[in-house]
Amino acid sequence: MVYTFARVGALVAMNVEDYYPQGKHWWVRLHEKGVKLHEVPVHHKLEEYLDAYLDAAELRSEKRGLLFRETKGKTKKLTP
């Protein structure tokens, strides 16, 4: 949220495919209120964090799934 200045609702609605490369840089696609799409270039620190998160959570192959997921109780496993 810090690097994109996005609403919390727009961030939690992001899918894995909403973080994508365009040329040499990475971008995020935010689904704002209504049907508006807001595409924002990613800060290099956010790119590092998102890459580390996607690798640790093994989400890179799930394009249609939610980017930010909740955990199942105290199991530390992410929900589908």
PDB file of N, CA and C in Angstrom:
ATOM      1  N   MET A   1       0.824  -1.184   0.000  1.00  0.00           N
ATOM      2  CA  MET A   1       0.000   0.000   0.000  1.00  0.00           C
ATOM      3  C   MET A   1       0.874   1.255   0.000  1.00  0.00           C
ATOM      4  N   VAL A   2       1.989   1.180   0.679  1.00  0.00           N
ATOM      5  CA  VAL A   2       2.863   2.340   0.792  1.00  0.00           C
ATOM      6  C   VAL A   2       3.408   2.770  -0.568  1.00  0.00           C
ATOM      7  N   TYR A   3       3.794   1.809  -1.390  1.00  0.00           N
ATOM      8  CA  TYR A   3       4.425   2.145  -2.660  1.00  0.00           C
ATOM      9  C   TYR A   3       3.430   2.476  -3.772  1.00  0.00           C
ATOM     10  N   THR A   4       2.152   2.109  -3.616  1.00  0.00           N
ATOM     11  CA  THR A   4       1.176   2.366  -4.670  1.00  0.00           C
ATOM     12  C   THR A   4       0.151   3.421  -4.295  1.00  0.00           C
ATOM     13  N   PHE A   5       0.019   3.751  -3.017  1.00  0.00           N
ATOM     14  CA  PHE A   5      -1.000   4.674  -2.516  1.00  0.00           C
ATOM     15  C   PHE A   5      -2.399   4.193  -2.877  1.00  0.00           C
ATOM     16  N   ALA A   6      -2.590   2.885  -2.884  1.00  0.00           N
ATOM     17  CA  ALA A   6      -3.872   2.300  -3.260  1.00  0.00           C
ATOM     18  C   ALA A   6      -4.753   2.097  -2.035  1.00  0.00           C
ATOM     19  N   ARG A   7      -6.040   1.982  -2.290  1.00  0.00           N
ATOM     20  CA  ARG A   7      -6.992   1.651  -1.231  1.00  0.00           C
ATOM     21  C   ARG A   7      -6.787   0.190  -0.825  1.00  0.00           C
ATOM     22  N   VAL A   8      -7.116  -0.136   0.405  1.00  0.00           N
ATOM     23  CA  VAL A   8      -6.998  -1.501   0.889  1.00  0.00           C
ATOM     24  C   VAL A   8      -7.884  -2.423   0.057  1.00  0.00           C
ATOM     25  N   GLY A   9      -9.087  -1.979  -0.262  1.00  0.00           N
ATOM     26  CA  GLY A   9     -10.007  -2.785  -1.063  1.00  0.00           C
ATOM     27  C   GLY A   9      -9.455  -3.118  -2.434  1.00  0.00           C
ATOM     28  N   ALA A  10      -8.732  -2.190  -3.030  1.00  0.00           N
ATOM     29  CA  ALA A  10      -8.127  -2.441  -4.339  1.00  0.00           C
ATOM     30  C   ALA A  10      -6.981  -3.444  -4.231  1.00  0.00           C
ATOM     31  N   LEU A  11      -6.252  -3.412  -3.130  1.00  0.00           N
ATOM     32  CA  LEU A  11      -5.130  -4.336  -2.946  1.00  0.00           C
ATOM     33  C   LEU A  11      -5.592  -5.759  -2.682  1.00  0.00           C
ATOM     34  N   VAL A  12      -6.589  -5.924  -1.838  1.00  0.00           N
ATOM     35  CA  VAL A  12      -7.026  -7.279  -1.515  1.00  0.00           C
ATOM     36  C   VAL A  12      -7.786  -7.919  -2.670  1.00  0.00           C
ATOM     37  N   ALA A  13      -8.234  -7.127  -3.637  1.00  0.00           N
ATOM     38  CA  ALA A  13      -8.935  -7.668  -4.806  1.00  0.00           C
ATOM     39  C   ALA A  13      -7.980  -8.056  -5.931  1.00  0.00           C
ATOM     40  N   MET A  14      -6.685  -7.824  -5.757  1.00  0.00           N
ATOM     41  CA  MET A  14      -5.709  -8.126  -6.809  1.00  0.00           C
ATOM     42  C   MET A  14      -5.541  -9.619  -7.015  1.00  0.00           C
ATOM     43  N   ASN A  15      -5.429 -10.021  -8.270  1.00  0.00           N
ATOM     44  CA  ASN A  15      -5.082 -11.393  -8.633  1.00  0.00           C
ATOM     45  C   ASN A  15      -3.588 -11.454  -8.914  1.00  0.00           C
ATOM     46  N   VAL A  16      -3.054 -12.645  -8.998  1.00  0.00           N
ATOM     47  CA  VAL A  16      -1.628 -12.819  -9.283  1.00  0.00           C
ATOM     48  C   VAL A  16      -1.293 -12.199 -10.644  1.00  0.00           C
ATOM     49  N   GLU A  17      -2.208 -12.313 -11.609  1.00  0.00           N
ATOM     50  CA  GLU A  17      -1.964 -11.768 -12.948  1.00  0.00           C
ATOM     51  C   GLU A  17      -1.962 -10.241 -12.977  1.00  0.00           C
ATOM     52  N   ASP A  18      -2.385  -9.597 -11.900  1.00  0.00           N
ATOM     53  CA  ASP A  18      -2.382  -8.135 -11.830  1.00  0.00           C
ATOM     54  C   ASP A  18      -0.994  -7.567 -11.522  1.00  0.00           C
ATOM     55  N   TYR A  19      -0.037  -8.411 -11.300  1.00  0.00           N
ATOM     56  CA  TYR A  19       1.374  -8.027 -11.155  1.00  0.00           C
ATOM     57  C   TYR A  19       2.071  -8.585 -12.381  1.00  0.00           C
ATOM     58  N   TYR A  20       2.455  -7.714 -13.289  1.00  0.00           N
ATOM     59  CA  TYR A  20       2.925  -8.176 -14.600  1.00  0.00           C
ATOM     60  C   TYR A  20       4.072  -7.310 -15.126  1.00  0.00           C
ATOM     61  N   PRO A  21       4.914  -7.898 -15.990  1.00  0.00           N
ATOM     62  CA  PRO A  21       6.017  -7.125 -16.594  1.00  0.00           C
ATOM     63  C   PRO A  21       5.529  -6.364 -17.819  1.00  0.00           C
ATOM     64  N   GLN A  22       6.073  -5.185 -18.002  1.00  0.00           N
ATOM     65  CA  GLN A  22       5.805  -4.399 -19.207  1.00  0.00           C
ATOM     66  C   GLN A  22       7.129  -3.725 -19.574  1.00  0.00           C
ATOM     67  N   GLY A  23       7.765  -4.255 -20.604  1.00  0.00           N
ATOM     68  CA  GLY A  23       9.103  -3.783 -20.944  1.00  0.00           C
ATOM     69  C   GLY A  23      10.087  -4.250 -19.888  1.00  0.00           C
ATOM     70  N   LYS A  24      10.897  -3.324 -19.366  1.00  0.00           N
ATOM     71  CA  LYS A  24      11.897  -3.664 -18.358  1.00  0.00           C
ATOM     72  C   LYS A  24      11.359  -3.561 -16.934  1.00  0.00           C
ATOM     73  N   HIS A  25      10.166  -3.012 -16.784  1.00  0.00           N
ATOM     74  CA  HIS A  25       9.628  -2.748 -15.447  1.00  0.00           C
ATOM     75  C   HIS A  25       8.390  -3.590 -15.172  1.00  0.00           C
ATOM     76  N   TRP A  26       8.082  -3.736 -13.890  1.00  0.00           N
ATOM     77  CA  TRP A  26       6.884  -4.456 -13.457  1.00  0.00           C
ATOM     78  C   TRP A  26       5.799  -3.446 -13.104  1.00  0.00           C
ATOM     79  N   TRP A  27       4.557  -3.836 -13.288  1.00  0.00           N
ATOM     80  CA  TRP A  27       3.404  -2.979 -13.034  1.00  0.00           C
ATOM     81  C   TRP A  27       2.390  -3.741 -12.194  1.00  0.00           C
ATOM     82  N   VAL A  28       1.519  -3.002 -11.508  1.00  0.00           N
ATOM     83  CA  VAL A  28       0.360  -3.596 -10.840  1.00  0.00           C
ATOM     84  C   VAL A  28      -0.902  -2.970 -11.408  1.00  0.00           C
ATOM     85  N   ARG A  29      -1.917  -3.787 -11.544  1.00  0.00           N
ATOM     86  CA  ARG A  29      -3.224  -3.338 -12.027  1.00  0.00           C
ATOM     87  C   ARG A  29      -4.166  -3.362 -10.837  1.00  0.00           C
ATOM     88  N   LEU A  30      -4.693  -2.194 -10.477  1.00  0.00           N
ATOM     89  CA  LEU A  30      -5.581  -2.075  -9.326  1.00  0.00           C
ATOM     90  C   LEU A  30      -7.018  -1.923  -9.808  1.00  0.00           C
ATOM     91  N   HIS A  31      -7.917  -2.668  -9.211  1.00  0.00           N
ATOM     92  CA  HIS A  31      -9.337  -2.595  -9.541  1.00  0.00           C
ATOM     93  C   HIS A  31      -9.982  -1.626  -8.556  1.00  0.00           C
ATOM     94  N   GLU A  32     -10.172  -0.401  -9.000  1.00  0.00           N
ATOM     95  CA  GLU A  32     -10.711   0.638  -8.137  1.00  0.00           C
ATOM     96  C   GLU A  32     -12.226   0.570  -8.087  1.00  0.00           C
ATOM     97  N   LYS A  33     -12.839   1.476  -7.355  1.00  0.00           N
ATOM     98  CA  LYS A  33     -14.294   1.516  -7.218  1.00  0.00           C
ATOM     99  C   LYS A  33     -14.954   1.594  -8.591  1.00  0.00           C
ATOM    100  N   GLY A  34     -16.091   0.947  -8.697  1.00  0.00           N
ATOM    101  CA  GLY A  34     -16.754   0.897  -9.995  1.00  0.00           C
ATOM    102  C   GLY A  34     -16.034  -0.118 -10.859  1.00  0.00           C
ATOM    103  N   VAL A  35     -15.809   0.230 -12.094  1.00  0.00           N
ATOM    104  CA  VAL A  35     -15.114  -0.689 -13.002  1.00  0.00           C
ATOM    105  C   VAL A  35     -13.783  -0.092 -13.449  1.00  0.00           C
ATOM    106  N   LYS A  36     -13.295   0.886 -12.727  1.00  0.00           N
ATOM    107  CA  LYS A  36     -12.060   1.556 -13.115  1.00  0.00           C
ATOM    108  C   LYS A  36     -10.839   0.680 -12.842  1.00  0.00           C
ATOM    109  N   LEU A  37      -9.933   0.666 -13.804  1.00  0.00           N
ATOM    110  CA  LEU A  37      -8.643   0.001 -13.634  1.00  0.00           C
ATOM    111  C   LEU A  37      -7.575   1.070 -13.554  1.00  0.00           C
ATOM    112  N   HIS A  38      -6.663   0.888 -12.638  1.00  0.00           N
ATOM    113  CA  HIS A  38      -5.561   1.838 -12.462  1.00  0.00           C
ATOM    114  C   HIS A  38      -4.270   1.034 -12.553  1.00  0.00           C
ATOM    115  N   GLU A  39      -3.453   1.319 -13.552  1.00  0.00           N
ATOM    116  CA  GLU A  39      -2.186   0.609 -13.721  1.00  0.00           C
ATOM    117  C   GLU A  39      -1.050   1.507 -13.239  1.00  0.00           C
ATOM    118  N   VAL A  40      -0.228   0.944 -12.358  1.00  0.00           N
ATOM    119  CA  VAL A  40       0.819   1.715 -11.690  1.00  0.00           C
ATOM    120  C   VAL A  40       2.156   0.996 -11.845  1.00  0.00           C
ATOM    121  N   PRO A  41       3.223   1.727 -12.219  1.00  0.00           N
ATOM    122  CA  PRO A  41       4.549   1.088 -12.235  1.00  0.00           C
ATOM    123  C   PRO A  41       4.971   0.748 -10.807  1.00  0.00           C
ATOM    124  N   VAL A  42       5.697  -0.341 -10.674  1.00  0.00           N
ATOM    125  CA  VAL A  42       6.082  -0.843  -9.352  1.00  0.00           C
ATOM    126  C   VAL A  42       7.432  -0.261  -8.937  1.00  0.00           C
ATOM    127  N   HIS A  43       7.493   0.218  -7.717  1.00  0.00           N
ATOM    128  CA  HIS A  43       8.743   0.689  -7.113  1.00  0.00           C
ATOM    129  C   HIS A  43       9.681  -0.520  -6.977  1.00  0.00           C
ATOM    130  N   HIS A  44      10.978  -0.295  -7.107  1.00  0.00           N
ATOM    131  CA  HIS A  44      11.919  -1.418  -7.078  1.00  0.00           C
ATOM    132  C   HIS A  44      11.879  -2.201  -5.766  1.00  0.00           C
ATOM    133  N   LYS A  45      11.611  -1.544  -4.652  1.00  0.00           N
ATOM    134  CA  LYS A  45      11.503  -2.249  -3.373  1.00  0.00           C
ATOM    135  C   LYS A  45      10.250  -3.126  -3.342  1.00  0.00           C
ATOM    136  N   LEU A  46       9.144  -2.601  -3.862  1.00  0.00           N
ATOM    137  CA  LEU A  46       7.915  -3.393  -3.923  1.00  0.00           C
ATOM    138  C   LEU A  46       8.108  -4.600  -4.828  1.00  0.00           C
ATOM    139  N   GLU A  47       8.845  -4.429  -5.909  1.00  0.00           N
ATOM    140  CA  GLU A  47       9.141  -5.544  -6.810  1.00  0.00           C
ATOM    141  C   GLU A  47       9.891  -6.653  -6.047  1.00  0.00           C
ATOM    142  N   GLU A  48      10.872  -6.270  -5.242  1.00  0.00           N
ATOM    143  CA  GLU A  48      11.618  -7.247  -4.440  1.00  0.00           C
ATOM    144  C   GLU A  48      10.688  -7.985  -3.480  1.00  0.00           C
ATOM    145  N   TYR A  49       9.824  -7.236  -2.788  1.00  0.00           N
ATOM    146  CA  TYR A  49       8.920  -7.832  -1.811  1.00  0.00           C
ATOM    147  C   TYR A  49       7.917  -8.770  -2.476  1.00  0.00           C
ATOM    148  N   LEU A  50       7.317  -8.328  -3.579  1.00  0.00           N
ATOM    149  CA  LEU A  50       6.331  -9.156  -4.264  1.00  0.00           C
ATOM    150  C   LEU A  50       6.964 -10.411  -4.855  1.00  0.00           C
ATOM    151  N   ASP A  51       8.161 -10.289  -5.418  1.00  0.00           N
ATOM    152  CA  ASP A  51       8.848 -11.460  -5.954  1.00  0.00           C
ATOM    153  C   ASP A  51       9.155 -12.474  -4.848  1.00  0.00           C
ATOM    154  N   ALA A  52       9.630 -11.996  -3.718  1.00  0.00           N
ATOM    155  CA  ALA A  52       9.933 -12.882  -2.599  1.00  0.00           C
ATOM    156  C   ALA A  52       8.656 -13.548  -2.082  1.00  0.00           C
ATOM    157  N   TYR A  53       7.561 -12.788  -1.995  1.00  0.00           N
ATOM    158  CA  TYR A  53       6.279 -13.329  -1.532  1.00  0.00           C
ATOM    159  C   TYR A  53       5.751 -14.383  -2.498  1.00  0.00           C
ATOM    160  N   LEU A  54       5.779 -14.095  -3.791  1.00  0.00           N
ATOM    161  CA  LEU A  54       5.280 -15.044  -4.791  1.00  0.00           C
ATOM    162  C   LEU A  54       6.090 -16.335  -4.802  1.00  0.00           C
ATOM    163  N   ASP A  55       7.390 -16.220  -4.618  1.00  0.00           N
ATOM    164  CA  ASP A  55       8.239 -17.410  -4.579  1.00  0.00           C
ATOM    165  C   ASP A  55       7.991 -18.226  -3.306  1.00  0.00           C
ATOM    166  N   ALA A  56       7.920 -17.560  -2.164  1.00  0.00           N
ATOM    167  CA  ALA A  56       7.716 -18.262  -0.896  1.00  0.00           C
ATOM    168  C   ALA A  56       6.340 -18.920  -0.828  1.00  0.00           C
ATOM    169  N   ALA A  57       5.326 -18.249  -1.370  1.00  0.00           N
ATOM    170  CA  ALA A  57       3.962 -18.783  -1.326  1.00  0.00           C
ATOM    171  C   ALA A  57       3.658 -19.701  -2.504  1.00  0.00           C
ATOM    172  N   GLU A  58       4.600 -19.810  -3.436  1.00  0.00           N
ATOM    173  CA  GLU A  58       4.449 -20.650  -4.634  1.00  0.00           C
ATOM    174  C   GLU A  58       3.179 -20.292  -5.411  1.00  0.00           C
ATOM    175  N   LEU A  59       3.003 -18.994  -5.676  1.00  0.00           N
ATOM    176  CA  LEU A  59       1.802 -18.505  -6.355  1.00  0.00           C
ATOM    177  C   LEU A  59       2.027 -18.107  -7.805  1.00  0.00           C
ATOM    178  N   ARG A  60       3.235 -18.143  -8.296  1.00  0.00           N
ATOM    179  CA  ARG A  60       3.518 -17.658  -9.651  1.00  0.00           C
ATOM    180  C   ARG A  60       2.710 -18.365 -10.734  1.00  0.00           C
ATOM    181  N   SER A  61       2.425 -19.638 -10.562  1.00  0.00           N
ATOM    182  CA  SER A  61       1.711 -20.391 -11.591  1.00  0.00           C
ATOM    183  C   SER A  61       0.196 -20.180 -11.545  1.00  0.00           C
ATOM    184  N   GLU A  62      -0.322 -19.633 -10.459  1.00  0.00           N
ATOM    185  CA  GLU A  62      -1.763 -19.426 -10.304  1.00  0.00           C
ATOM    186  C   GLU A  62      -2.138 -18.005 -10.720  1.00  0.00           C
ATOM    187  N   LYS A  63      -2.350 -17.795 -11.993  1.00  0.00           N
ATOM    188  CA  LYS A  63      -2.626 -16.448 -12.498  1.00  0.00           C
ATOM    189  C   LYS A  63      -3.976 -15.897 -12.057  1.00  0.00           C
ATOM    190  N   ARG A  64      -4.989 -16.743 -11.979  1.00  0.00           N
ATOM    191  CA  ARG A  64      -6.348 -16.283 -11.653  1.00  0.00           C
ATOM    192  C   ARG A  64      -6.612 -16.189 -10.151  1.00  0.00           C
ATOM    193  N   GLY A  65      -5.735 -16.748  -9.339  1.00  0.00           N
ATOM    194  CA  GLY A  65      -5.966 -16.750  -7.899  1.00  0.00           C
ATOM    195  C   GLY A  65      -5.669 -15.398  -7.268  1.00  0.00           C
ATOM    196  N   LEU A  66      -6.194 -15.198  -6.082  1.00  0.00           N
ATOM    197  CA  LEU A  66      -5.948 -13.952  -5.360  1.00  0.00           C
ATOM    198  C   LEU A  66      -4.469 -13.824  -5.009  1.00  0.00           C
ATOM    199  N   LEU A  67      -3.973 -12.620  -5.086  1.00  0.00           N
ATOM    200  CA  LEU A  67      -2.563 -12.376  -4.770  1.00  0.00           C
ATOM    201  C   LEU A  67      -2.331 -12.470  -3.266  1.00  0.00           C
ATOM    202  N   PHE A  68      -3.168 -11.820  -2.490  1.00  0.00           N
ATOM    203  CA  PHE A  68      -3.023 -11.831  -1.033  1.00  0.00           C
ATOM    204  C   PHE A  68      -4.103 -12.726  -0.445  1.00  0.00           C
ATOM    205  N   ARG A  69      -3.685 -13.775   0.242  1.00  0.00           N
ATOM    206  CA  ARG A  69      -4.601 -14.779   0.773  1.00  0.00           C
ATOM    207  C   ARG A  69      -4.503 -14.836   2.283  1.00  0.00           C
ATOM    208  N   GLU A  70      -5.460 -15.499   2.883  1.00  0.00           N
ATOM    209  CA  GLU A  70      -5.426 -15.669   4.332  1.00  0.00           C
ATOM    210  C   GLU A  70      -4.863 -17.047   4.662  1.00  0.00           C
ATOM    211  N   THR A  71      -4.508 -17.236   5.919  1.00  0.00           N
ATOM    212  CA  THR A  71      -3.978 -18.531   6.340  1.00  0.00           C
ATOM    213  C   THR A  71      -5.076 -19.361   6.973  1.00  0.00           C
ATOM    214  N   LYS A  72      -4.902 -20.677   6.908  1.00  0.00           N
ATOM    215  CA  LYS A  72      -5.856 -21.606   7.529  1.00  0.00           C
ATOM    216  C   LYS A  72      -5.494 -21.761   8.999  1.00  0.00           C
ATOM    217  N   GLY A  73      -6.189 -21.070   9.844  1.00  0.00           N
ATOM    218  CA  GLY A  73      -5.939 -21.175  11.284  1.00  0.00           C
ATOM    219  C   GLY A  73      -4.494 -20.926  11.638  1.00  0.00           C
ATOM    220  N   LYS A  74      -3.925 -21.825  12.406  1.00  0.00           N
ATOM    221  CA  LYS A  74      -2.526 -21.684  12.830  1.00  0.00           C
ATOM    222  C   LYS A  74      -1.597 -22.590  12.034  1.00  0.00           C
ATOM    223  N   THR A  75      -2.048 -23.075  10.872  1.00  0.00           N
ATOM    224  CA  THR A  75      -1.241 -24.013  10.083  1.00  0.00           C
ATOM    225  C   THR A  75      -0.176 -23.321   9.243  1.00  0.00           C
ATOM    226  N   LYS A  76      -0.268 -22.017   9.080  1.00  0.00           N
ATOM    227  CA  LYS A  76       0.650 -21.231   8.256  1.00  0.00           C
ATOM    228  C   LYS A  76       0.585 -21.629   6.787  1.00  0.00           C
ATOM    229  N   LYS A  77      -0.521 -22.241   6.375  1.00  0.00           N
ATOM    230  CA  LYS A  77      -0.749 -22.590   4.968  1.00  0.00           C
ATOM    231  C   LYS A  77      -1.772 -21.616   4.405  1.00  0.00           C
ATOM    232  N   LEU A  78      -1.549 -21.162   3.175  1.00  0.00           N
ATOM    233  CA  LEU A  78      -2.459 -20.208   2.557  1.00  0.00           C
ATOM    234  C   LEU A  78      -3.685 -20.908   1.989  1.00  0.00           C
ATOM    235  N   THR A  79      -4.810 -20.202   2.042  1.00  0.00           N
ATOM    236  CA  THR A  79      -6.037 -20.736   1.459  1.00  0.00           C
ATOM    237  C   THR A  79      -5.978 -20.625  -0.050  1.00  0.00           C
ATOM    238  N   PRO A  80      -6.715 -21.504  -0.747  1.00  0.00           N
ATOM    239  CA  PRO A  80      -6.721 -21.409  -2.222  1.00  0.00           C
ATOM    240  C   PRO A  80      -7.498 -20.188  -2.652  1.00  0.00           C
TER     241      PRO A  80
END
